[in-house]
Every structure is written in C-alpha cells, then in structure tokens.
Amino acid sequence: MFDRKRLTIKKLEERKSKTSYYPIRKVPPIHRGDQNAFINKLAVDIINKEKVIIGFGAHFIKNKCHPYLIDLMKYDYITHVVTNGASTIHDFEFGYHGKTEEDVKENLANGTFGLWETGEHINKAINLYGYLGYGKAIGQYIDIERDSNSVWAGGCVSLAWHCWERKIPLSICTSIGHDIIYEHPECDGARIGQASYIDFLNLAETLEGIQDAVFICVGSAITFPMVMEKAFAMAKNVDPTTGTNCSCYIVDLFDVSSEWKDGEPDKSNPAYYNRPMKTFNRMVDDCHYMQLDNRQLMYNLRERLEWLERK
C-alpha cells in the first residue's frame, strides 16, 4: 500500500485560497415570478409543518449560503442537516482560516492538492470524537479548539459548530476516497466509516414516523437523495406512517421541471436520470422543483420567513 508517512503537509497560511468568508456579497435579485412563488410556498410550508430536513452539497458552503441557514436554525426552523464530507472541509476552513477553496489545477500540478493542515484537524476530530458521529465530532472539536486557540476567533461562522451548539443533528455522509482527508497519514478509514454510519442511523431515527415535514434538497445531485432514500426505507419499514403529509422542495441550476410535470419520464428521456427528482417523487406525493441559484434561495427564504413571522 501507499506509505502516507512520506507525504508533506503544509499550513493553510501558505496556501493561496480563492474564496474568503468576508465580505458576504449581495445576492442577485429574483425576477421570475415562478421562483418567487416557489420560495413563498416553501416558506409557508416551513412555518406550518412540524419538521424540516435540509440537505446540500459542498458548493452550498463555498457559496456562503450557510449564514442564512444558521439564521433559520436560530429561529428553530431546522430539525436535521445532511451533507457530504466536502462540505465540512469548506466549513472548517472558513472557521479556522477565514478562507477556503484551493486552486485544484495548480495544486494537482505541483503535488500539494489536499495536503494542507485541514486534513490533519478533521482526521484528529474524528479519531478523538468519532464515536459521537461525524457531525458531532467536528462540532465538538471546534468547540474545544475555540476555547484554547486564538486562531479560532471566527469559529462562530462554522455551521458544524452551530449545529453542535444548538443540538441540531448534522449527518455527514461521506464516501471513501472522495475527500482530501483520505490523503492524510492520520486518516483512519474504519473510524470515518463508523462516524458517518452513526450519522446515517441518526437520520433514519429522525425519519421514523415523520409526518407533516419538509425535505429541502439544495444542489445535492447524489448524496442527500440517496441517503434519504435508504434511511426513509428503514423508517417506513418499522412505522408505515412515515412520510405522511410530507413535502419536498428541490433546487438546482438545471431546469427539468417540465420533463417531470406529468410524472416520472420514460427511461429514454435524460431527465429520468435526475436523481433528486427520481428519489423524492418516489418518496412523497408533494414534490416541487425549481431552477434557482442556492444563494438566491437561502437569502430570499430567510427574508420571506422573517416577513411571514412579522405578519
């Protein structure tokens, strides 16, 4: 096997990072009526229904959508958060370093891609606290490091830490070899697998018997739909009421809504292979899709919820 002890790991301060946490730039306005209607309906459902599960990919964090999600958490709208391993890397780096996103092409060429101290920290968190689950391990690690290390002055921008602080389940569903943490000498695949599987089982527990809930899929093409499908099946197996009066809202940059307006397309139609639509239309009867930038969704959703609560 490859001997990871030969690797050279560098400090984040030595890396050129492409995205800074500050400033959080103004979100482009929404001009389409159907997009506004979609956000309005989602906001009303969030207020009227009992639970909200949101899942997303790494660009959600890199695009700095999580401050708006943290605001929703502060108002007790969010029941459970689901994401992939790459999200935690950007989230951790924003909190620890104030910047994220390396130049992949440049660093692949010079042999440094992924080989920064981020991987050391995340692996350390899992090795120490992975028995709690992946999400809780990251949250607790940041919580402890913030108290002992001045570099964490901005640690409050971390979504993982806010989930930990507010006791909101954060399920990090990872895939072996997908993320930069697997490059590092400290990586223990068994512990990562155990931690991520605990998070998956926690998601299944949240779904067991769930009714009057909202599922929100924001730019997650594979991970969130797939883990929801399996966790939902487990929950439905032990409690047939699971999924009653639940709705799903899917947001992505591609427009496939017209292809699904009459139900699941034929296999000859490329839209059939849109995983979020396929999965969530099979799970719930009330499923909505909108072509929308994730920043526009989260900013305007927060604004609309605040407006509705003031009425």
Protein backbone atom coordinates (compact mmCIF):
# COMPACT_ATOMS: atom_id res chain seq x y z
CA MET A 1 0.00 0.00 0.00
CA PHE A 2 0.98 3.62 -0.39
CA ASP A 3 3.08 4.85 2.54
CA ARG A 4 1.41 8.09 3.69
CA LYS A 5 4.25 8.93 6.08
CA ARG A 6 6.22 10.17 3.08
CA LEU A 7 3.71 12.97 2.42
CA THR A 8 4.49 16.63 3.12
CA ILE A 9 1.63 18.51 4.82
CA LYS A 10 1.61 22.30 4.73
CA LYS A 11 -0.01 25.08 6.76
CA LEU A 12 -3.09 26.78 5.36
CA GLU A 13 -1.41 30.16 5.64
CA GLU A 14 0.99 29.03 2.91
CA ARG A 15 -1.85 28.26 0.50
CA LYS A 16 -3.45 30.59 -2.00
CA SER A 17 -7.19 30.34 -1.26
CA LYS A 18 -9.73 31.57 -3.80
CA THR A 19 -12.71 32.34 -1.55
CA SER A 20 -12.78 34.49 1.59
CA TYR A 21 -15.65 34.35 4.07
CA TYR A 22 -15.89 38.13 4.19
CA PRO A 23 -17.39 40.06 2.57
CA ILE A 24 -20.65 38.20 2.07
CA ARG A 25 -21.66 39.76 -1.23
CA LYS A 26 -25.14 40.95 -2.08
CA VAL A 27 -27.30 38.21 -3.56
CA PRO A 28 -28.62 38.80 -7.12
CA PRO A 29 -32.35 39.66 -7.09
CA ILE A 30 -35.02 37.27 -8.30
CA HIS A 31 -37.03 38.47 -11.29
CA ARG A 32 -39.01 35.34 -12.22
CA GLY A 33 -42.48 35.04 -10.76
CA ASP A 34 -42.36 31.24 -10.59
CA GLN A 35 -39.18 31.40 -8.49
CA ASN A 36 -40.78 33.82 -6.03
CA ALA A 37 -43.88 31.63 -5.84
CA PHE A 38 -41.71 28.58 -5.14
CA ILE A 39 -39.95 30.36 -2.25
CA ASN A 40 -43.26 31.66 -0.88
CA LYS A 41 -44.79 28.17 -0.86
CA LEU A 42 -41.68 26.70 0.78
CA ALA A 43 -41.68 29.37 3.49
CA VAL A 44 -45.36 28.75 4.29
CA ASP A 45 -44.74 25.01 4.48
CA ILE A 46 -41.78 25.50 6.83
CA ILE A 47 -43.92 27.57 9.18
CA ASN A 48 -46.96 25.29 9.05
CA LYS A 49 -45.26 21.90 9.20
CA GLU A 50 -43.57 20.33 12.17
CA LYS A 51 -40.11 19.33 10.94
CA VAL A 52 -37.62 20.46 8.30
CA ILE A 53 -34.73 18.37 6.96
CA ILE A 54 -32.30 20.13 4.62
CA GLY A 55 -29.53 18.56 2.56
CA PHE A 56 -26.92 20.12 0.29
CA GLY A 57 -23.53 19.71 -1.34
CA ALA A 58 -20.21 21.47 -0.79
CA HIS A 59 -20.95 24.46 -3.05
CA PHE A 60 -23.66 25.45 -0.58
CA ILE A 61 -20.90 26.18 1.96
CA LYS A 62 -18.38 27.52 -0.53
CA ASN A 63 -21.02 29.96 -1.86
CA LYS A 64 -21.58 31.14 1.74
CA CYS A 65 -25.21 30.04 1.99
CA HIS A 66 -24.75 28.66 5.49
CA PRO A 67 -25.06 32.03 7.31
CA TYR A 68 -28.68 32.11 6.13
CA LEU A 69 -29.17 28.52 7.26
CA ILE A 70 -27.69 29.39 10.66
CA ASP A 71 -30.28 32.18 10.91
CA LEU A 72 -33.02 29.62 10.23
CA MET A 73 -31.54 27.42 12.94
CA LYS A 74 -31.65 30.31 15.41
CA TYR A 75 -35.40 30.59 14.81
CA ASP A 76 -35.86 26.82 15.39
CA TYR A 77 -36.96 26.06 11.83
CA ILE A 78 -34.41 23.29 11.18
CA THR A 79 -34.74 19.74 12.53
CA HIS A 80 -31.85 17.93 10.82
CA VAL A 81 -29.00 18.89 8.46
CA VAL A 82 -27.48 16.43 5.95
CA THR A 83 -24.43 16.95 3.77
CA ASN A 84 -21.29 15.32 2.39
CA GLY A 85 -17.68 15.26 3.55
CA ALA A 86 -16.54 18.03 1.21
CA SER A 87 -18.90 20.50 2.91
CA THR A 88 -17.14 20.05 6.23
CA ILE A 89 -13.81 20.93 4.63
CA HIS A 90 -15.02 24.31 3.39
CA ASP A 91 -16.93 24.88 6.64
CA PHE A 92 -13.88 24.08 8.75
CA GLU A 93 -11.57 26.27 6.68
CA PHE A 94 -13.93 29.26 6.83
CA GLY A 95 -13.98 28.98 10.62
CA TYR A 96 -10.30 28.24 11.13
CA HIS A 97 -8.69 30.25 8.34
CA GLY A 98 -11.38 32.65 7.10
CA LYS A 99 -10.75 31.37 3.56
CA THR A 100 -11.31 28.21 1.53
CA GLU A 101 -11.08 26.72 -1.99
CA GLU A 102 -7.62 25.98 -3.29
CA ASP A 103 -6.67 26.08 -6.96
CA VAL A 104 -7.17 22.41 -7.81
CA LYS A 105 -5.50 22.51 -11.22
CA GLU A 106 -2.44 24.37 -9.97
CA ASN A 107 -2.03 22.25 -6.84
CA LEU A 108 -2.53 18.95 -8.64
CA ALA A 109 0.33 20.01 -10.90
CA ASN A 110 2.66 20.84 -8.00
CA GLY A 111 1.64 17.91 -5.80
CA THR A 112 0.06 19.85 -2.93
CA PHE A 113 -3.66 19.40 -3.62
CA GLY A 114 -5.48 18.47 -0.42
CA LEU A 115 -2.25 18.17 1.56
CA TRP A 116 -2.87 21.02 3.95
CA GLU A 117 -3.46 21.07 7.70
CA THR A 118 -7.25 20.96 7.22
CA GLY A 119 -7.00 17.20 6.78
CA GLU A 120 -4.96 16.86 9.97
CA HIS A 121 -7.61 18.68 12.00
CA ILE A 122 -10.64 16.88 10.61
CA ASN A 123 -8.99 13.47 10.97
CA LYS A 124 -7.99 14.35 14.52
CA ALA A 125 -11.57 15.34 15.31
CA ILE A 126 -12.88 12.02 14.00
CA ASN A 127 -10.17 9.99 15.74
CA LEU A 128 -10.97 11.68 19.07
CA TYR A 129 -14.74 12.06 18.93
CA GLY A 130 -15.96 9.93 16.03
CA TYR A 131 -17.82 7.67 18.44
CA LEU A 132 -20.34 10.52 18.66
CA GLY A 133 -20.82 10.58 14.89
CA TYR A 134 -19.06 12.57 12.17
CA GLY A 135 -21.09 15.78 12.56
CA LYS A 136 -20.84 15.90 16.34
CA ALA A 137 -17.12 15.07 16.19
CA ILE A 138 -16.39 18.15 14.08
CA GLY A 139 -18.66 20.36 16.20
CA GLN A 140 -17.11 19.26 19.49
CA TYR A 141 -13.57 19.57 18.14
CA ILE A 142 -14.20 23.15 17.03
CA ASP A 143 -15.87 23.95 20.35
CA ILE A 144 -12.84 22.77 22.30
CA GLU A 145 -10.30 24.35 19.92
CA ARG A 146 -12.10 27.72 20.08
CA ASP A 147 -11.54 27.83 23.82
CA SER A 148 -7.83 27.05 23.59
CA ASN A 149 -6.66 28.56 20.31
CA SER A 150 -6.92 32.24 19.39
CA VAL A 151 -6.86 31.41 15.67
CA TRP A 152 -10.50 30.34 16.11
CA ALA A 153 -11.70 33.87 16.74
CA GLY A 154 -14.02 33.42 13.76
CA GLY A 155 -15.13 29.91 14.71
CA CYS A 156 -18.71 31.05 15.11
CA VAL A 157 -19.08 31.08 11.30
CA SER A 158 -18.86 27.28 11.23
CA LEU A 159 -22.15 25.51 10.51
CA ALA A 160 -20.87 22.35 12.24
CA TRP A 161 -20.22 24.32 15.39
CA HIS A 162 -23.67 25.94 15.31
CA CYS A 163 -25.30 22.51 14.90
CA TRP A 164 -23.27 21.28 17.88
CA GLU A 165 -24.12 24.34 19.95
CA ARG A 166 -27.85 24.11 19.20
CA LYS A 167 -28.03 20.31 19.39
CA ILE A 168 -29.31 20.04 15.82
CA PRO A 169 -28.30 16.71 14.23
CA LEU A 170 -25.73 17.10 11.46
CA SER A 171 -25.36 13.96 9.35
CA ILE A 172 -22.18 13.90 7.29
CA CYS A 173 -22.48 11.09 4.77
CA THR A 174 -19.08 10.53 3.23
CA SER A 175 -17.66 8.24 0.55
CA ILE A 176 -14.26 6.60 0.90
CA GLY A 177 -11.64 8.42 -1.15
CA HIS A 178 -13.89 11.33 -2.14
CA ASP A 179 -12.43 13.97 0.17
CA ILE A 180 -8.98 15.37 0.87
CA ILE A 181 -8.95 13.96 4.41
CA TYR A 182 -8.32 10.49 2.93
CA GLU A 183 -4.91 11.62 1.68
CA HIS A 184 -3.56 12.23 5.16
CA PRO A 185 -1.40 10.00 7.39
CA GLU A 186 -3.84 10.46 10.31
CA CYS A 187 -6.79 9.12 8.31
CA ASP A 188 -8.43 6.05 9.85
CA GLY A 189 -10.96 4.67 7.37
CA ALA A 190 -12.65 2.49 9.98
CA ARG A 191 -13.28 5.42 12.31
CA ILE A 192 -14.56 7.61 9.49
CA GLY A 193 -16.88 4.82 8.37
CA GLN A 194 -18.17 4.29 11.89
CA ALA A 195 -18.71 8.02 12.44
CA SER A 196 -20.53 8.52 9.16
CA TYR A 197 -22.68 5.43 9.70
CA ILE A 198 -23.74 6.73 13.11
CA ASP A 199 -24.89 9.90 11.36
CA PHE A 200 -26.83 7.85 8.81
CA LEU A 201 -28.59 5.93 11.57
CA ASN A 202 -29.39 9.21 13.32
CA LEU A 203 -31.05 10.38 10.11
CA ALA A 204 -33.10 7.18 9.96
CA GLU A 205 -34.18 7.82 13.56
CA THR A 206 -35.30 11.36 12.68
CA LEU A 207 -37.31 9.97 9.74
CA GLU A 208 -39.01 7.20 11.71
CA GLY A 209 -42.70 8.09 11.88
CA ILE A 210 -42.08 11.55 10.44
CA GLN A 211 -45.23 13.39 9.37
CA ASP A 212 -46.03 16.97 8.35
CA ALA A 213 -42.41 17.58 7.36
CA VAL A 214 -40.49 19.43 4.68
CA PHE A 215 -37.46 17.98 2.88
CA ILE A 216 -35.26 20.56 1.13
CA CYS A 217 -32.63 19.42 -1.38
CA VAL A 218 -30.29 22.24 -2.41
CA GLY A 219 -27.80 21.38 -5.13
CA SER A 220 -27.16 17.84 -3.93
CA ALA A 221 -27.17 15.68 -7.03
CA ILE A 222 -26.40 12.35 -5.37
CA THR A 223 -25.61 12.19 -1.64
CA PHE A 224 -28.70 13.68 0.01
CA PRO A 225 -31.25 11.93 -2.24
CA MET A 226 -29.51 8.56 -1.92
CA VAL A 227 -29.05 8.55 1.86
CA MET A 228 -32.58 9.88 2.35
CA GLU A 229 -33.94 7.07 0.19
CA LYS A 230 -32.30 4.35 2.28
CA ALA A 231 -32.96 5.96 5.66
CA PHE A 232 -36.59 6.59 4.63
CA ALA A 233 -36.98 2.93 3.65
CA MET A 234 -35.73 1.81 7.08
CA ALA A 235 -38.09 4.23 8.84
CA LYS A 236 -41.06 3.19 6.69
CA ASN A 237 -40.34 -0.48 7.41
CA VAL A 238 -40.86 -0.04 11.16
CA ASP A 239 -43.52 2.71 11.01
CA PRO A 240 -45.86 2.77 7.98
CA THR A 241 -46.98 6.32 8.83
CA THR A 242 -43.54 7.62 7.86
CA GLY A 243 -43.82 10.28 5.15
CA THR A 244 -47.47 11.18 5.72
CA ASN A 245 -48.21 14.75 4.58
CA CYS A 246 -44.56 15.43 3.76
CA SER A 247 -43.39 17.76 1.00
CA CYS A 248 -40.11 18.05 -0.87
CA TYR A 249 -38.53 21.10 -2.48
CA ILE A 250 -35.60 20.59 -4.86
CA VAL A 251 -33.38 23.41 -6.10
CA ASP A 252 -30.65 23.11 -8.72
CA LEU A 253 -29.17 25.01 -11.66
CA PHE A 254 -30.73 22.73 -14.28
CA ASP A 255 -34.37 23.00 -15.31
CA VAL A 256 -36.05 19.59 -15.50
CA SER A 257 -39.43 20.54 -14.03
CA SER A 258 -41.25 20.45 -17.38
CA GLU A 259 -39.99 16.91 -18.02
CA TRP A 260 -41.49 15.73 -14.72
CA LYS A 261 -44.80 17.64 -14.78
CA ASP A 262 -46.72 14.51 -15.79
CA GLY A 263 -44.84 12.14 -13.52
CA GLU A 264 -41.70 10.06 -13.93
CA PRO A 265 -40.36 10.33 -17.51
CA ASP A 266 -39.55 7.33 -19.67
CA LYS A 267 -36.05 5.90 -19.37
CA SER A 268 -35.30 7.16 -22.86
CA ASN A 269 -35.60 10.72 -21.52
CA PRO A 270 -32.36 12.06 -19.94
CA ALA A 271 -34.47 13.80 -17.27
CA TYR A 272 -35.36 10.35 -15.91
CA TYR A 273 -31.81 10.12 -14.56
CA ASN A 274 -32.10 13.24 -12.41
CA ARG A 275 -31.53 11.56 -9.05
CA PRO A 276 -33.18 14.13 -6.74
CA MET A 277 -36.40 14.15 -8.78
CA LYS A 278 -36.46 10.39 -9.12
CA THR A 279 -35.85 9.73 -5.43
CA PHE A 280 -38.09 12.34 -3.85
CA ASN A 281 -41.00 11.82 -6.27
CA ARG A 282 -40.98 8.18 -5.22
CA MET A 283 -40.85 9.09 -1.52
CA VAL A 284 -43.54 11.77 -1.27
CA ASP A 285 -46.57 12.84 -3.32
CA ASP A 286 -45.96 16.58 -2.96
CA CYS A 287 -42.68 17.31 -4.76
CA HIS A 288 -41.57 20.65 -6.22
CA TYR A 289 -38.57 21.57 -8.37
CA MET A 290 -37.11 24.96 -9.26
CA GLN A 291 -34.14 26.12 -11.28
CA LEU A 292 -32.55 28.58 -8.88
CA ASP A 293 -29.18 29.68 -7.53
CA ASN A 294 -28.68 28.34 -4.00
CA ARG A 295 -27.69 31.80 -2.72
CA GLN A 296 -30.90 33.30 -4.07
CA LEU A 297 -32.90 30.54 -2.43
CA MET A 298 -31.41 30.84 1.04
CA TYR A 299 -31.29 34.64 1.22
CA ASN A 300 -34.83 35.11 -0.04
CA LEU A 301 -36.15 32.22 2.05
CA ARG A 302 -34.78 33.81 5.19
CA GLU A 303 -36.27 37.18 4.23
CA ARG A 304 -39.67 35.66 3.44
CA LEU A 305 -39.80 33.69 6.70
CA GLU A 306 -38.98 36.83 8.68
CA TRP A 307 -41.74 38.72 6.81
CA LEU A 308 -44.30 35.98 7.43
CA GLU A 309 -43.46 35.81 11.13
CA ARG A 310 -43.98 39.59 11.44
CA LYS A 311 -47.47 39.42 9.88
